[in-house]
Amino acid sequence: MKQALASAQAGNYDVAGISGKIDALLAENKVVVFSWTRCPFCVKAKGLLSDLGTDYRAVELDTMADGAAYRAELAKRTGRTSMPNIFIQGKNYGGCNDGPGVMTLHKRGELQPLLRRAGAL
């Protein structure tokens, strides 16, 4: 249901082009946070990564003309329409608190080792 809504909001777009841009972002960056600038969960997740000294790329979808298309493509890949949508070494780790989420990984003591292995710390 949410994926269908995200696709409808995106309208017609170049699927291959947007998918290729996402692939490039994931290939060129060890950590990518697809985000909305004012989303409290996005702010919290990016704050944690920054506090840890993580080298990450934030992609603020709400500031991009084709942000809705990115969201629709991310939903197809991950089954998630919510933000943030966080990737480490090209693998999706959910958001802030869900899927498992960076806060959950941090509380378990798993986030920093994961970021070190990725070369992002």
N, C-alpha and C. Protein backbone atom coordinates (compact mmCIF):
# COMPACT_ATOMS: atom_id res chain seq x y z
N MET A 1 0.82 -1.19 0.00
CA MET A 1 0.00 0.00 0.00
C MET A 1 0.87 1.26 0.00
N LYS A 2 1.82 1.33 0.94
CA LYS A 2 2.68 2.51 1.01
C LYS A 2 3.57 2.62 -0.23
N GLN A 3 4.01 1.47 -0.75
CA GLN A 3 4.84 1.49 -1.96
C GLN A 3 4.04 2.03 -3.13
N ALA A 4 2.78 1.65 -3.23
CA ALA A 4 1.93 2.15 -4.31
C ALA A 4 1.73 3.65 -4.18
N LEU A 5 1.57 4.13 -2.96
CA LEU A 5 1.42 5.57 -2.73
C LEU A 5 2.69 6.31 -3.11
N ALA A 6 3.84 5.76 -2.73
CA ALA A 6 5.12 6.40 -3.08
C ALA A 6 5.29 6.46 -4.59
N SER A 7 4.90 5.40 -5.29
CA SER A 7 4.99 5.39 -6.75
C SER A 7 4.04 6.40 -7.37
N ALA A 8 2.83 6.50 -6.82
CA ALA A 8 1.86 7.46 -7.34
C ALA A 8 2.34 8.89 -7.14
N GLN A 9 2.93 9.17 -5.98
CA GLN A 9 3.45 10.51 -5.70
C GLN A 9 4.60 10.86 -6.64
N ALA A 10 5.37 9.87 -7.03
CA ALA A 10 6.51 10.11 -7.91
C ALA A 10 6.07 10.43 -9.33
N GLY A 11 4.90 9.92 -9.73
CA GLY A 11 4.44 10.15 -11.10
C GLY A 11 5.32 9.42 -12.10
N ASN A 12 5.35 9.93 -13.32
CA ASN A 12 6.19 9.34 -14.36
C ASN A 12 7.62 9.84 -14.21
N TYR A 13 8.55 8.92 -14.22
CA TYR A 13 9.97 9.29 -14.12
C TYR A 13 10.81 8.23 -14.82
N ASP A 14 12.05 8.57 -15.03
CA ASP A 14 13.00 7.67 -15.68
C ASP A 14 13.48 6.63 -14.67
N VAL A 15 12.82 5.49 -14.64
CA VAL A 15 13.13 4.45 -13.66
C VAL A 15 14.60 4.04 -13.73
N ALA A 16 15.09 3.75 -14.93
CA ALA A 16 16.48 3.32 -15.08
C ALA A 16 17.44 4.43 -14.66
N GLY A 17 17.11 5.66 -14.97
CA GLY A 17 17.97 6.78 -14.61
C GLY A 17 18.07 6.97 -13.11
N ILE A 18 16.93 6.95 -12.42
CA ILE A 18 16.93 7.11 -10.96
C ILE A 18 17.59 5.92 -10.30
N SER A 19 17.29 4.73 -10.77
CA SER A 19 17.91 3.52 -10.22
C SER A 19 19.43 3.58 -10.38
N GLY A 20 19.88 4.04 -11.54
CA GLY A 20 21.32 4.18 -11.78
C GLY A 20 21.96 5.20 -10.86
N LYS A 21 21.25 6.29 -10.58
CA LYS A 21 21.78 7.31 -9.66
C LYS A 21 21.90 6.76 -8.25
N ILE A 22 20.91 5.97 -7.83
CA ILE A 22 20.99 5.34 -6.51
C ILE A 22 22.16 4.36 -6.47
N ASP A 23 22.30 3.55 -7.51
CA ASP A 23 23.43 2.61 -7.58
C ASP A 23 24.76 3.34 -7.47
N ALA A 24 24.88 4.47 -8.16
CA ALA A 24 26.12 5.25 -8.13
C ALA A 24 26.38 5.79 -6.73
N LEU A 25 25.36 6.32 -6.08
CA LEU A 25 25.53 6.83 -4.71
C LEU A 25 26.00 5.72 -3.78
N LEU A 26 25.40 4.55 -3.91
CA LEU A 26 25.78 3.43 -3.03
C LEU A 26 27.18 2.93 -3.34
N ALA A 27 27.58 2.97 -4.59
CA ALA A 27 28.92 2.51 -4.97
C ALA A 27 30.00 3.50 -4.56
N GLU A 28 29.68 4.78 -4.58
CA GLU A 28 30.68 5.83 -4.34
C GLU A 28 30.81 6.23 -2.87
N ASN A 29 29.90 5.77 -2.02
CA ASN A 29 29.91 6.18 -0.61
C ASN A 29 29.76 4.96 0.29
N LYS A 30 30.54 4.93 1.35
CA LYS A 30 30.49 3.79 2.27
C LYS A 30 29.19 3.76 3.05
N VAL A 31 28.69 4.94 3.39
CA VAL A 31 27.42 5.06 4.12
C VAL A 31 26.58 6.12 3.42
N VAL A 32 25.33 5.77 3.12
CA VAL A 32 24.41 6.72 2.50
C VAL A 32 23.14 6.76 3.35
N VAL A 33 22.73 7.98 3.69
CA VAL A 33 21.49 8.20 4.42
C VAL A 33 20.53 8.96 3.52
N PHE A 34 19.50 8.28 3.03
CA PHE A 34 18.45 8.96 2.30
C PHE A 34 17.52 9.53 3.36
N SER A 35 17.24 10.83 3.26
CA SER A 35 16.68 11.54 4.39
C SER A 35 15.72 12.64 3.95
N TRP A 36 14.97 13.16 4.91
CA TRP A 36 14.21 14.40 4.76
C TRP A 36 14.79 15.37 5.78
N THR A 37 14.97 16.60 5.41
CA THR A 37 15.68 17.56 6.25
C THR A 37 15.04 17.77 7.62
N ARG A 38 13.72 17.76 7.70
CA ARG A 38 13.05 18.09 8.96
C ARG A 38 12.46 16.88 9.68
N CYS A 39 12.72 15.72 9.20
CA CYS A 39 12.21 14.49 9.84
C CYS A 39 12.99 14.25 11.13
N PRO A 40 12.31 14.17 12.29
CA PRO A 40 13.04 13.99 13.55
C PRO A 40 13.86 12.70 13.61
N PHE A 41 13.36 11.63 13.00
CA PHE A 41 14.13 10.38 13.00
C PHE A 41 15.37 10.49 12.13
N CYS A 42 15.25 11.24 11.03
CA CYS A 42 16.40 11.49 10.15
C CYS A 42 17.46 12.30 10.89
N VAL A 43 17.01 13.36 11.56
CA VAL A 43 17.92 14.22 12.31
C VAL A 43 18.63 13.41 13.39
N LYS A 44 17.89 12.55 14.08
CA LYS A 44 18.47 11.72 15.15
C LYS A 44 19.51 10.74 14.59
N ALA A 45 19.18 10.07 13.50
CA ALA A 45 20.10 9.10 12.90
C ALA A 45 21.36 9.78 12.39
N LYS A 46 21.20 10.90 11.68
CA LYS A 46 22.37 11.63 11.17
C LYS A 46 23.19 12.20 12.32
N GLY A 47 22.52 12.61 13.39
CA GLY A 47 23.24 13.11 14.57
C GLY A 47 24.11 12.04 15.19
N LEU A 48 23.58 10.83 15.31
CA LEU A 48 24.36 9.72 15.85
C LEU A 48 25.57 9.43 14.97
N LEU A 49 25.34 9.33 13.67
CA LEU A 49 26.46 9.06 12.76
C LEU A 49 27.51 10.16 12.84
N SER A 50 27.08 11.40 12.91
CA SER A 50 28.02 12.52 13.02
C SER A 50 28.78 12.47 14.34
N ASP A 51 28.06 12.19 15.44
CA ASP A 51 28.71 12.11 16.75
C ASP A 51 29.77 11.02 16.79
N LEU A 52 29.56 9.96 16.04
CA LEU A 52 30.54 8.86 15.99
C LEU A 52 31.70 9.18 15.05
N GLY A 53 31.58 10.26 14.28
CA GLY A 53 32.63 10.63 13.33
C GLY A 53 32.54 9.87 12.02
N THR A 54 31.35 9.44 11.68
CA THR A 54 31.13 8.64 10.47
C THR A 54 31.27 9.48 9.21
N ASP A 55 31.96 8.94 8.24
CA ASP A 55 32.02 9.53 6.90
C ASP A 55 30.80 9.02 6.14
N TYR A 56 29.79 9.87 6.00
CA TYR A 56 28.57 9.43 5.32
C TYR A 56 28.07 10.51 4.38
N ARG A 57 27.23 10.09 3.45
CA ARG A 57 26.61 11.01 2.50
C ARG A 57 25.12 11.08 2.81
N ALA A 58 24.63 12.27 3.10
CA ALA A 58 23.20 12.48 3.30
C ALA A 58 22.59 12.94 1.98
N VAL A 59 21.52 12.31 1.58
CA VAL A 59 20.80 12.67 0.36
C VAL A 59 19.42 13.14 0.82
N GLU A 60 19.21 14.45 0.80
CA GLU A 60 17.98 15.06 1.32
C GLU A 60 16.92 15.09 0.23
N LEU A 61 16.06 14.09 0.25
CA LEU A 61 15.09 13.90 -0.82
C LEU A 61 14.09 15.05 -0.93
N ASP A 62 13.78 15.69 0.19
CA ASP A 62 12.79 16.77 0.14
C ASP A 62 13.34 18.06 -0.47
N THR A 63 14.62 18.09 -0.77
CA THR A 63 15.21 19.27 -1.42
C THR A 63 15.48 19.02 -2.90
N MET A 64 15.13 17.84 -3.38
CA MET A 64 15.44 17.45 -4.76
C MET A 64 14.17 17.41 -5.61
N ALA A 65 14.27 17.91 -6.83
CA ALA A 65 13.12 17.88 -7.75
C ALA A 65 12.63 16.46 -7.99
N ASP A 66 13.54 15.50 -8.01
CA ASP A 66 13.16 14.11 -8.26
C ASP A 66 13.21 13.25 -6.99
N GLY A 67 13.09 13.90 -5.84
CA GLY A 67 13.14 13.19 -4.56
C GLY A 67 12.06 12.13 -4.42
N ALA A 68 10.85 12.41 -4.92
CA ALA A 68 9.77 11.43 -4.84
C ALA A 68 10.09 10.19 -5.67
N ALA A 69 10.79 10.38 -6.78
CA ALA A 69 11.19 9.25 -7.61
C ALA A 69 12.23 8.40 -6.88
N TYR A 70 13.17 9.04 -6.20
CA TYR A 70 14.15 8.30 -5.40
C TYR A 70 13.42 7.47 -4.34
N ARG A 71 12.46 8.09 -3.66
CA ARG A 71 11.72 7.39 -2.62
C ARG A 71 11.00 6.18 -3.19
N ALA A 72 10.37 6.34 -4.35
CA ALA A 72 9.67 5.22 -4.98
C ALA A 72 10.63 4.09 -5.33
N GLU A 73 11.79 4.42 -5.86
CA GLU A 73 12.77 3.38 -6.20
C GLU A 73 13.34 2.71 -4.95
N LEU A 74 13.58 3.50 -3.90
CA LEU A 74 14.06 2.92 -2.65
C LEU A 74 13.01 1.97 -2.07
N ALA A 75 11.74 2.33 -2.18
CA ALA A 75 10.67 1.47 -1.69
C ALA A 75 10.65 0.14 -2.43
N LYS A 76 10.90 0.17 -3.73
CA LYS A 76 10.96 -1.08 -4.50
C LYS A 76 12.10 -1.96 -4.02
N ARG A 77 13.23 -1.35 -3.70
CA ARG A 77 14.42 -2.11 -3.30
C ARG A 77 14.33 -2.65 -1.88
N THR A 78 13.76 -1.85 -0.98
CA THR A 78 13.84 -2.17 0.44
C THR A 78 12.50 -2.52 1.08
N GLY A 79 11.40 -2.20 0.40
CA GLY A 79 10.09 -2.39 1.01
C GLY A 79 9.76 -1.31 2.03
N ARG A 80 10.60 -0.31 2.12
CA ARG A 80 10.43 0.78 3.08
C ARG A 80 10.14 2.09 2.35
N THR A 81 9.15 2.83 2.84
CA THR A 81 8.88 4.15 2.28
C THR A 81 9.25 5.25 3.26
N SER A 82 9.49 4.88 4.51
CA SER A 82 9.81 5.88 5.52
C SER A 82 11.28 6.30 5.42
N MET A 83 11.56 7.44 6.00
CA MET A 83 12.91 7.96 6.05
C MET A 83 13.31 8.05 7.52
N PRO A 84 14.59 7.91 7.83
CA PRO A 84 15.69 7.74 6.90
C PRO A 84 15.73 6.31 6.36
N ASN A 85 16.45 6.16 5.29
CA ASN A 85 16.70 4.85 4.68
C ASN A 85 18.22 4.77 4.54
N ILE A 86 18.84 3.93 5.36
CA ILE A 86 20.29 3.95 5.55
C ILE A 86 20.95 2.71 4.95
N PHE A 87 22.01 2.97 4.19
CA PHE A 87 22.79 1.90 3.57
C PHE A 87 24.23 1.99 4.05
N ILE A 88 24.80 0.85 4.39
CA ILE A 88 26.21 0.75 4.76
C ILE A 88 26.82 -0.29 3.83
N GLN A 89 27.83 0.12 3.08
CA GLN A 89 28.46 -0.73 2.06
C GLN A 89 27.41 -1.33 1.11
N GLY A 90 26.44 -0.53 0.73
CA GLY A 90 25.44 -0.96 -0.22
C GLY A 90 24.32 -1.81 0.34
N LYS A 91 24.41 -2.18 1.63
CA LYS A 91 23.38 -3.01 2.27
C LYS A 91 22.45 -2.12 3.09
N ASN A 92 21.16 -2.38 2.99
CA ASN A 92 20.18 -1.58 3.72
C ASN A 92 20.10 -2.02 5.17
N TYR A 93 20.18 -1.03 6.08
CA TYR A 93 20.07 -1.30 7.51
C TYR A 93 18.85 -0.62 8.11
N GLY A 94 17.87 -0.31 7.30
CA GLY A 94 16.64 0.28 7.81
C GLY A 94 16.78 1.77 8.04
N GLY A 95 16.20 2.22 9.15
CA GLY A 95 16.18 3.64 9.44
C GLY A 95 16.86 3.99 10.74
N CYS A 96 16.15 4.77 11.54
CA CYS A 96 16.69 5.19 12.83
C CYS A 96 16.55 4.07 13.86
N ASN A 97 15.30 3.64 14.07
CA ASN A 97 15.01 2.63 15.09
C ASN A 97 14.47 1.32 14.53
N ASP A 98 14.26 1.26 13.23
CA ASP A 98 13.60 0.09 12.66
C ASP A 98 14.41 -0.52 11.54
N GLY A 99 14.31 -1.80 11.42
CA GLY A 99 14.82 -2.55 10.28
C GLY A 99 16.28 -2.90 10.17
N PRO A 100 17.14 -3.08 11.09
CA PRO A 100 17.09 -2.91 12.54
C PRO A 100 17.27 -1.46 12.99
N GLY A 101 17.88 -0.62 12.17
CA GLY A 101 18.05 0.78 12.52
C GLY A 101 19.37 1.06 13.22
N VAL A 102 19.90 2.24 12.96
CA VAL A 102 21.22 2.58 13.52
C VAL A 102 21.18 2.73 15.04
N MET A 103 20.08 3.21 15.60
CA MET A 103 20.02 3.34 17.06
C MET A 103 20.04 1.97 17.72
N THR A 104 19.29 1.03 17.17
CA THR A 104 19.27 -0.33 17.70
C THR A 104 20.65 -0.97 17.58
N LEU A 105 21.28 -0.83 16.43
CA LEU A 105 22.63 -1.38 16.24
C LEU A 105 23.61 -0.75 17.21
N HIS A 106 23.48 0.55 17.44
CA HIS A 106 24.37 1.24 18.37
C HIS A 106 24.17 0.72 19.80
N LYS A 107 22.93 0.57 20.21
CA LYS A 107 22.64 0.08 21.57
C LYS A 107 23.17 -1.34 21.77
N ARG A 108 23.19 -2.13 20.72
CA ARG A 108 23.71 -3.51 20.79
C ARG A 108 25.23 -3.56 20.71
N GLY A 109 25.86 -2.42 20.45
CA GLY A 109 27.31 -2.40 20.28
C GLY A 109 27.77 -2.88 18.92
N GLU A 110 26.86 -2.91 17.95
CA GLU A 110 27.17 -3.45 16.63
C GLU A 110 27.46 -2.38 15.57
N LEU A 111 27.05 -1.14 15.83
CA LEU A 111 27.16 -0.12 14.79
C LEU A 111 28.60 0.29 14.52
N GLN A 112 29.36 0.61 15.56
CA GLN A 112 30.73 1.07 15.34
C GLN A 112 31.60 0.00 14.67
N PRO A 113 31.53 -1.27 15.09
CA PRO A 113 32.31 -2.29 14.36
C PRO A 113 31.89 -2.39 12.89
N LEU A 114 30.60 -2.27 12.62
CA LEU A 114 30.09 -2.32 11.25
C LEU A 114 30.64 -1.15 10.44
N LEU A 115 30.63 0.04 11.02
CA LEU A 115 31.15 1.22 10.33
C LEU A 115 32.66 1.13 10.13
N ARG A 116 33.37 0.56 11.10
CA ARG A 116 34.82 0.37 10.94
C ARG A 116 35.12 -0.59 9.80
N ARG A 117 34.40 -1.70 9.75
CA ARG A 117 34.60 -2.67 8.67
C ARG A 117 34.31 -2.05 7.31
N ALA A 118 33.38 -1.12 7.28
CA ALA A 118 33.03 -0.43 6.03
C ALA A 118 34.05 0.65 5.67
N GLY A 119 34.94 0.98 6.62
CA GLY A 119 35.92 2.04 6.38
C GLY A 119 35.34 3.43 6.53
N ALA A 120 34.21 3.52 7.25
CA ALA A 120 33.54 4.81 7.42
C ALA A 120 33.89 5.50 8.73
N LEU A 121 34.70 4.86 9.56
CA LEU A 121 35.18 5.48 10.82
C LEU A 121 36.68 5.58 10.78
